[in-house]
Amino acid sequence: MAEAIQKKLHSEMEKYTQMQKDVSKSMSARQKLEAQLTENNIVKEELGLLESTNTVYKLIGPVLVKQDLDEAKATVTKRLEYINGEIQRYETLLKEMEKKSEQHREVLSSLQQEYQRAQGLTVGKV
């Protein structure tokens, strides 16, 4: 009986470890999005300081291409909307993962207690 509980405990522990890795990856991706958000907000501020007579260039590969100021502003605004949407998606994902992680912790705790009780019964029989 104790061996079956131990196998189940080991299996649940592996699932929990994998879930923690997934949480870590999601947090890392969210942090990258936060950095992109900050960078794009700075670009938006800088574009706001320009006048229509100023020349704006866009880097495409190794080449700088002339771009219309309004088009550049629209591109940055759309990029900001996308990044904010992705951050919201990761927030929701991380909250769901945290709930699942908490449930796994509870299952692991109960399995550990059950295993310890089974160990105690086995020791008592010897």
N, C-alpha and C. Protein backbone atom coordinates (compact mmCIF):
# COMPACT_ATOMS: atom_id res chain seq x y z
N MET A 1 0.83 -1.19 0.00
CA MET A 1 0.00 0.00 0.00
C MET A 1 0.87 1.26 0.00
N ALA A 2 1.92 1.22 0.83
CA ALA A 2 2.81 2.39 0.92
C ALA A 2 3.52 2.64 -0.41
N GLU A 3 3.84 1.56 -1.13
CA GLU A 3 4.51 1.71 -2.42
C GLU A 3 3.60 2.37 -3.45
N ALA A 4 2.32 2.03 -3.45
CA ALA A 4 1.37 2.63 -4.39
C ALA A 4 1.22 4.12 -4.10
N ILE A 5 1.15 4.46 -2.82
CA ILE A 5 1.04 5.87 -2.43
C ILE A 5 2.31 6.61 -2.83
N GLN A 6 3.46 5.94 -2.64
CA GLN A 6 4.74 6.57 -2.99
C GLN A 6 4.82 6.84 -4.50
N LYS A 7 4.34 5.90 -5.31
CA LYS A 7 4.35 6.08 -6.76
C LYS A 7 3.44 7.25 -7.15
N LYS A 8 2.26 7.30 -6.55
CA LYS A 8 1.33 8.39 -6.84
C LYS A 8 1.92 9.73 -6.40
N LEU A 9 2.56 9.74 -5.23
CA LEU A 9 3.21 10.94 -4.71
C LEU A 9 4.30 11.40 -5.67
N HIS A 10 5.09 10.46 -6.15
CA HIS A 10 6.17 10.79 -7.09
C HIS A 10 5.60 11.36 -8.39
N SER A 11 4.53 10.75 -8.89
CA SER A 11 3.88 11.22 -10.11
C SER A 11 3.34 12.64 -9.94
N GLU A 12 2.67 12.90 -8.83
CA GLU A 12 2.12 14.23 -8.56
C GLU A 12 3.24 15.26 -8.39
N MET A 13 4.34 14.83 -7.79
CA MET A 13 5.47 15.74 -7.61
C MET A 13 6.07 16.14 -8.96
N GLU A 14 6.14 15.19 -9.90
CA GLU A 14 6.65 15.50 -11.24
C GLU A 14 5.72 16.48 -11.94
N LYS A 15 4.41 16.27 -11.81
CA LYS A 15 3.45 17.20 -12.41
C LYS A 15 3.60 18.59 -11.82
N TYR A 16 3.77 18.65 -10.51
CA TYR A 16 3.92 19.93 -9.82
C TYR A 16 5.19 20.64 -10.28
N THR A 17 6.27 19.89 -10.41
CA THR A 17 7.55 20.46 -10.87
C THR A 17 7.41 21.01 -12.28
N GLN A 18 6.73 20.27 -13.15
CA GLN A 18 6.52 20.72 -14.52
C GLN A 18 5.67 21.99 -14.53
N MET A 19 4.67 22.05 -13.67
CA MET A 19 3.81 23.22 -13.60
C MET A 19 4.62 24.44 -13.15
N GLN A 20 5.52 24.25 -12.21
CA GLN A 20 6.36 25.36 -11.76
C GLN A 20 7.28 25.85 -12.88
N LYS A 21 7.76 24.93 -13.71
CA LYS A 21 8.57 25.33 -14.86
C LYS A 21 7.74 26.16 -15.84
N ASP A 22 6.49 25.72 -16.06
CA ASP A 22 5.60 26.46 -16.96
C ASP A 22 5.32 27.86 -16.42
N VAL A 23 5.11 27.96 -15.11
CA VAL A 23 4.88 29.27 -14.49
C VAL A 23 6.10 30.16 -14.69
N SER A 24 7.26 29.59 -14.52
CA SER A 24 8.49 30.35 -14.69
C SER A 24 8.64 30.86 -16.13
N LYS A 25 8.33 30.00 -17.10
CA LYS A 25 8.40 30.41 -18.51
C LYS A 25 7.42 31.53 -18.80
N SER A 26 6.21 31.39 -18.27
CA SER A 26 5.18 32.42 -18.50
C SER A 26 5.58 33.75 -17.87
N MET A 27 6.15 33.69 -16.69
CA MET A 27 6.59 34.92 -16.03
C MET A 27 7.72 35.58 -16.82
N SER A 28 8.60 34.78 -17.35
CA SER A 28 9.70 35.31 -18.16
C SER A 28 9.16 35.99 -19.43
N ALA A 29 8.20 35.34 -20.08
CA ALA A 29 7.60 35.92 -21.28
C ALA A 29 6.88 37.22 -20.93
N ARG A 30 6.21 37.25 -19.79
CA ARG A 30 5.50 38.46 -19.37
C ARG A 30 6.49 39.60 -19.10
N GLN A 31 7.62 39.28 -18.49
CA GLN A 31 8.64 40.30 -18.24
C GLN A 31 9.19 40.87 -19.54
N LYS A 32 9.35 40.02 -20.55
CA LYS A 32 9.81 40.50 -21.86
C LYS A 32 8.77 41.46 -22.46
N LEU A 33 7.51 41.10 -22.30
CA LEU A 33 6.44 41.96 -22.81
C LEU A 33 6.44 43.30 -22.08
N GLU A 34 6.69 43.28 -20.78
CA GLU A 34 6.76 44.53 -20.01
C GLU A 34 7.89 45.41 -20.53
N ALA A 35 9.03 44.80 -20.86
CA ALA A 35 10.16 45.56 -21.40
C ALA A 35 9.79 46.16 -22.76
N GLN A 36 9.12 45.37 -23.59
CA GLN A 36 8.68 45.88 -24.90
C GLN A 36 7.68 47.02 -24.73
N LEU A 37 6.79 46.88 -23.74
CA LEU A 37 5.80 47.91 -23.49
C LEU A 37 6.48 49.22 -23.11
N THR A 38 7.45 49.15 -22.23
CA THR A 38 8.18 50.34 -21.82
C THR A 38 8.90 50.98 -23.01
N GLU A 39 9.55 50.15 -23.79
CA GLU A 39 10.28 50.64 -24.97
C GLU A 39 9.33 51.31 -25.96
N ASN A 40 8.20 50.71 -26.21
CA ASN A 40 7.24 51.27 -27.16
C ASN A 40 6.58 52.54 -26.63
N ASN A 41 6.38 52.62 -25.33
CA ASN A 41 5.85 53.86 -24.74
C ASN A 41 6.83 55.01 -24.93
N ILE A 42 8.10 54.71 -24.79
CA ILE A 42 9.14 55.73 -25.01
C ILE A 42 9.13 56.18 -26.47
N VAL A 43 9.01 55.23 -27.38
CA VAL A 43 8.96 55.56 -28.81
C VAL A 43 7.74 56.43 -29.09
N LYS A 44 6.60 56.07 -28.49
CA LYS A 44 5.38 56.86 -28.70
C LYS A 44 5.57 58.29 -28.21
N GLU A 45 6.20 58.45 -27.05
CA GLU A 45 6.48 59.79 -26.52
C GLU A 45 7.38 60.57 -27.47
N GLU A 46 8.42 59.92 -27.95
CA GLU A 46 9.36 60.58 -28.87
C GLU A 46 8.67 60.98 -30.17
N LEU A 47 7.82 60.11 -30.70
CA LEU A 47 7.09 60.44 -31.92
C LEU A 47 6.12 61.60 -31.68
N GLY A 48 5.60 61.69 -30.44
CA GLY A 48 4.71 62.80 -30.11
C GLY A 48 5.41 64.14 -30.10
N LEU A 49 6.71 64.15 -29.90
CA LEU A 49 7.48 65.39 -29.89
C LEU A 49 7.79 65.90 -31.29
N LEU A 50 7.66 65.04 -32.29
CA LEU A 50 8.01 65.42 -33.66
C LEU A 50 6.90 66.22 -34.32
N GLU A 51 7.31 66.99 -35.30
CA GLU A 51 6.36 67.74 -36.12
C GLU A 51 6.22 67.01 -37.45
N SER A 52 5.20 67.36 -38.19
CA SER A 52 4.95 66.68 -39.48
C SER A 52 6.07 66.91 -40.49
N THR A 53 6.89 67.92 -40.28
CA THR A 53 7.99 68.20 -41.21
C THR A 53 9.21 67.32 -40.93
N ASN A 54 9.25 66.69 -39.76
CA ASN A 54 10.38 65.83 -39.41
C ASN A 54 10.32 64.54 -40.23
N THR A 55 11.50 63.99 -40.49
CA THR A 55 11.60 62.74 -41.24
C THR A 55 11.75 61.58 -40.24
N VAL A 56 10.98 60.55 -40.49
CA VAL A 56 11.02 59.34 -39.64
C VAL A 56 11.49 58.18 -40.50
N TYR A 57 12.38 57.38 -39.94
CA TYR A 57 12.88 56.20 -40.65
C TYR A 57 12.54 54.96 -39.85
N LYS A 58 12.26 53.89 -40.58
CA LYS A 58 11.95 52.61 -39.95
C LYS A 58 13.03 51.62 -40.35
N LEU A 59 13.53 50.88 -39.40
CA LEU A 59 14.56 49.89 -39.67
C LEU A 59 13.91 48.60 -40.13
N ILE A 60 14.20 48.22 -41.35
CA ILE A 60 13.70 46.96 -41.91
C ILE A 60 14.93 46.15 -42.31
N GLY A 61 15.23 45.16 -41.51
CA GLY A 61 16.46 44.40 -41.74
C GLY A 61 17.65 45.32 -41.54
N PRO A 62 18.57 45.34 -42.50
CA PRO A 62 19.74 46.23 -42.37
C PRO A 62 19.52 47.62 -43.00
N VAL A 63 18.30 47.91 -43.45
CA VAL A 63 18.03 49.13 -44.21
C VAL A 63 17.09 50.06 -43.45
N LEU A 64 17.38 51.36 -43.50
CA LEU A 64 16.47 52.37 -42.97
C LEU A 64 15.58 52.85 -44.11
N VAL A 65 14.27 52.75 -43.89
CA VAL A 65 13.29 53.13 -44.91
C VAL A 65 12.50 54.32 -44.39
N LYS A 66 12.32 55.33 -45.26
CA LYS A 66 11.56 56.52 -44.88
C LYS A 66 10.11 56.12 -44.62
N GLN A 67 9.53 56.69 -43.53
CA GLN A 67 8.16 56.35 -43.18
C GLN A 67 7.40 57.62 -42.80
N ASP A 68 6.13 57.65 -43.12
CA ASP A 68 5.27 58.77 -42.78
C ASP A 68 5.09 58.82 -41.26
N LEU A 69 5.10 60.01 -40.68
CA LEU A 69 4.99 60.17 -39.23
C LEU A 69 3.67 59.58 -38.70
N ASP A 70 2.57 59.87 -39.38
CA ASP A 70 1.27 59.34 -38.93
C ASP A 70 1.25 57.81 -38.98
N GLU A 71 1.86 57.26 -40.01
CA GLU A 71 1.93 55.81 -40.14
C GLU A 71 2.77 55.21 -39.01
N ALA A 72 3.87 55.86 -38.66
CA ALA A 72 4.72 55.40 -37.57
C ALA A 72 3.96 55.44 -36.24
N LYS A 73 3.22 56.52 -36.02
CA LYS A 73 2.43 56.63 -34.79
C LYS A 73 1.37 55.55 -34.72
N ALA A 74 0.70 55.30 -35.85
CA ALA A 74 -0.33 54.26 -35.89
C ALA A 74 0.26 52.88 -35.63
N THR A 75 1.43 52.63 -36.19
CA THR A 75 2.10 51.34 -35.98
C THR A 75 2.44 51.14 -34.51
N VAL A 76 2.99 52.17 -33.90
CA VAL A 76 3.36 52.07 -32.48
C VAL A 76 2.12 51.90 -31.61
N THR A 77 1.04 52.60 -31.93
CA THR A 77 -0.20 52.48 -31.17
C THR A 77 -0.76 51.06 -31.26
N LYS A 78 -0.76 50.49 -32.48
CA LYS A 78 -1.24 49.11 -32.66
C LYS A 78 -0.35 48.13 -31.91
N ARG A 79 0.95 48.36 -31.94
CA ARG A 79 1.88 47.49 -31.23
C ARG A 79 1.63 47.55 -29.72
N LEU A 80 1.36 48.75 -29.21
CA LEU A 80 1.06 48.90 -27.79
C LEU A 80 -0.23 48.16 -27.41
N GLU A 81 -1.24 48.26 -28.27
CA GLU A 81 -2.49 47.54 -28.02
C GLU A 81 -2.25 46.03 -27.97
N TYR A 82 -1.46 45.55 -28.92
CA TYR A 82 -1.15 44.12 -28.97
C TYR A 82 -0.39 43.68 -27.72
N ILE A 83 0.61 44.43 -27.34
CA ILE A 83 1.42 44.08 -26.16
C ILE A 83 0.56 44.10 -24.91
N ASN A 84 -0.30 45.10 -24.76
CA ASN A 84 -1.18 45.15 -23.59
C ASN A 84 -2.12 43.95 -23.56
N GLY A 85 -2.62 43.55 -24.73
CA GLY A 85 -3.48 42.37 -24.81
C GLY A 85 -2.74 41.11 -24.40
N GLU A 86 -1.50 40.98 -24.86
CA GLU A 86 -0.69 39.81 -24.50
C GLU A 86 -0.38 39.79 -22.99
N ILE A 87 -0.11 40.95 -22.43
CA ILE A 87 0.15 41.02 -20.99
C ILE A 87 -1.09 40.57 -20.22
N GLN A 88 -2.26 41.02 -20.64
CA GLN A 88 -3.52 40.60 -19.99
C GLN A 88 -3.69 39.10 -20.10
N ARG A 89 -3.37 38.55 -21.27
CA ARG A 89 -3.50 37.10 -21.48
C ARG A 89 -2.58 36.34 -20.53
N TYR A 90 -1.35 36.82 -20.39
CA TYR A 90 -0.41 36.17 -19.48
C TYR A 90 -0.84 36.32 -18.02
N GLU A 91 -1.43 37.45 -17.68
CA GLU A 91 -1.94 37.66 -16.32
C GLU A 91 -2.99 36.60 -16.00
N THR A 92 -3.94 36.41 -16.92
CA THR A 92 -4.99 35.42 -16.74
C THR A 92 -4.40 34.02 -16.65
N LEU A 93 -3.47 33.73 -17.53
CA LEU A 93 -2.82 32.42 -17.54
C LEU A 93 -2.09 32.15 -16.22
N LEU A 94 -1.37 33.16 -15.74
CA LEU A 94 -0.63 33.00 -14.49
C LEU A 94 -1.57 32.81 -13.30
N LYS A 95 -2.71 33.49 -13.29
CA LYS A 95 -3.68 33.30 -12.21
C LYS A 95 -4.24 31.88 -12.22
N GLU A 96 -4.55 31.37 -13.42
CA GLU A 96 -5.04 30.00 -13.55
C GLU A 96 -3.98 29.01 -13.09
N MET A 97 -2.75 29.25 -13.50
CA MET A 97 -1.65 28.36 -13.10
C MET A 97 -1.45 28.38 -11.59
N GLU A 98 -1.61 29.54 -10.98
CA GLU A 98 -1.45 29.65 -9.53
C GLU A 98 -2.53 28.84 -8.81
N LYS A 99 -3.76 28.90 -9.33
CA LYS A 99 -4.84 28.10 -8.73
C LYS A 99 -4.54 26.62 -8.83
N LYS A 100 -4.11 26.18 -10.03
CA LYS A 100 -3.78 24.77 -10.23
C LYS A 100 -2.61 24.35 -9.35
N SER A 101 -1.64 25.24 -9.22
CA SER A 101 -0.48 24.97 -8.38
C SER A 101 -0.89 24.79 -6.92
N GLU A 102 -1.80 25.63 -6.46
CA GLU A 102 -2.30 25.52 -5.08
C GLU A 102 -3.02 24.19 -4.89
N GLN A 103 -3.81 23.80 -5.87
CA GLN A 103 -4.51 22.51 -5.79
C GLN A 103 -3.50 21.36 -5.74
N HIS A 104 -2.45 21.45 -6.55
CA HIS A 104 -1.42 20.42 -6.54
C HIS A 104 -0.72 20.35 -5.18
N ARG A 105 -0.46 21.52 -4.59
CA ARG A 105 0.17 21.54 -3.26
C ARG A 105 -0.70 20.83 -2.24
N GLU A 106 -2.00 21.06 -2.30
CA GLU A 106 -2.92 20.42 -1.37
C GLU A 106 -2.93 18.90 -1.57
N VAL A 107 -2.96 18.47 -2.84
CA VAL A 107 -2.93 17.04 -3.13
C VAL A 107 -1.63 16.43 -2.64
N LEU A 108 -0.52 17.11 -2.89
CA LEU A 108 0.79 16.61 -2.44
C LEU A 108 0.84 16.50 -0.91
N SER A 109 0.31 17.49 -0.25
CA SER A 109 0.30 17.48 1.21
C SER A 109 -0.50 16.31 1.74
N SER A 110 -1.68 16.09 1.18
CA SER A 110 -2.51 14.97 1.65
C SER A 110 -1.85 13.63 1.34
N LEU A 111 -1.21 13.53 0.16
CA LEU A 111 -0.52 12.28 -0.19
C LEU A 111 0.67 12.03 0.74
N GLN A 112 1.38 13.09 1.10
CA GLN A 112 2.51 12.93 2.02
C GLN A 112 2.03 12.45 3.38
N GLN A 113 0.93 13.02 3.86
CA GLN A 113 0.38 12.59 5.14
C GLN A 113 -0.07 11.14 5.07
N GLU A 114 -0.72 10.78 3.96
CA GLU A 114 -1.20 9.41 3.79
C GLU A 114 -0.01 8.45 3.73
N TYR A 115 1.04 8.83 3.05
CA TYR A 115 2.24 8.00 2.95
C TYR A 115 2.90 7.82 4.31
N GLN A 116 2.95 8.92 5.08
CA GLN A 116 3.55 8.83 6.42
C GLN A 116 2.74 7.90 7.32
N ARG A 117 1.40 7.98 7.22
CA ARG A 117 0.55 7.08 8.00
C ARG A 117 0.78 5.64 7.59
N ALA A 118 0.89 5.40 6.28
CA ALA A 118 1.13 4.05 5.78
C ALA A 118 2.49 3.54 6.24
N GLN A 119 3.48 4.42 6.27
CA GLN A 119 4.82 4.05 6.77
C GLN A 119 4.75 3.68 8.25
N GLY A 120 3.98 4.45 8.99
CA GLY A 120 3.82 4.18 10.43
C GLY A 120 3.16 2.84 10.67
N LEU A 121 2.17 2.50 9.86
CA LEU A 121 1.50 1.20 10.01
C LEU A 121 2.44 0.07 9.66
N THR A 122 3.27 0.27 8.64
CA THR A 122 4.23 -0.76 8.23
C THR A 122 5.27 -0.98 9.31
N VAL A 123 5.75 0.08 9.92
CA VAL A 123 6.75 -0.02 10.98
C VAL A 123 6.14 -0.72 12.20
N GLY A 124 4.86 -0.43 12.48
CA GLY A 124 4.18 -1.05 13.62
C GLY A 124 4.01 -2.54 13.45
N LYS A 125 3.90 -3.04 12.23
CA LYS A 125 3.72 -4.48 11.97
C LYS A 125 5.02 -5.25 12.14
N VAL A 126 6.16 -4.58 11.94
CA VAL A 126 7.46 -5.27 11.97
C VAL A 126 7.83 -5.63 13.33
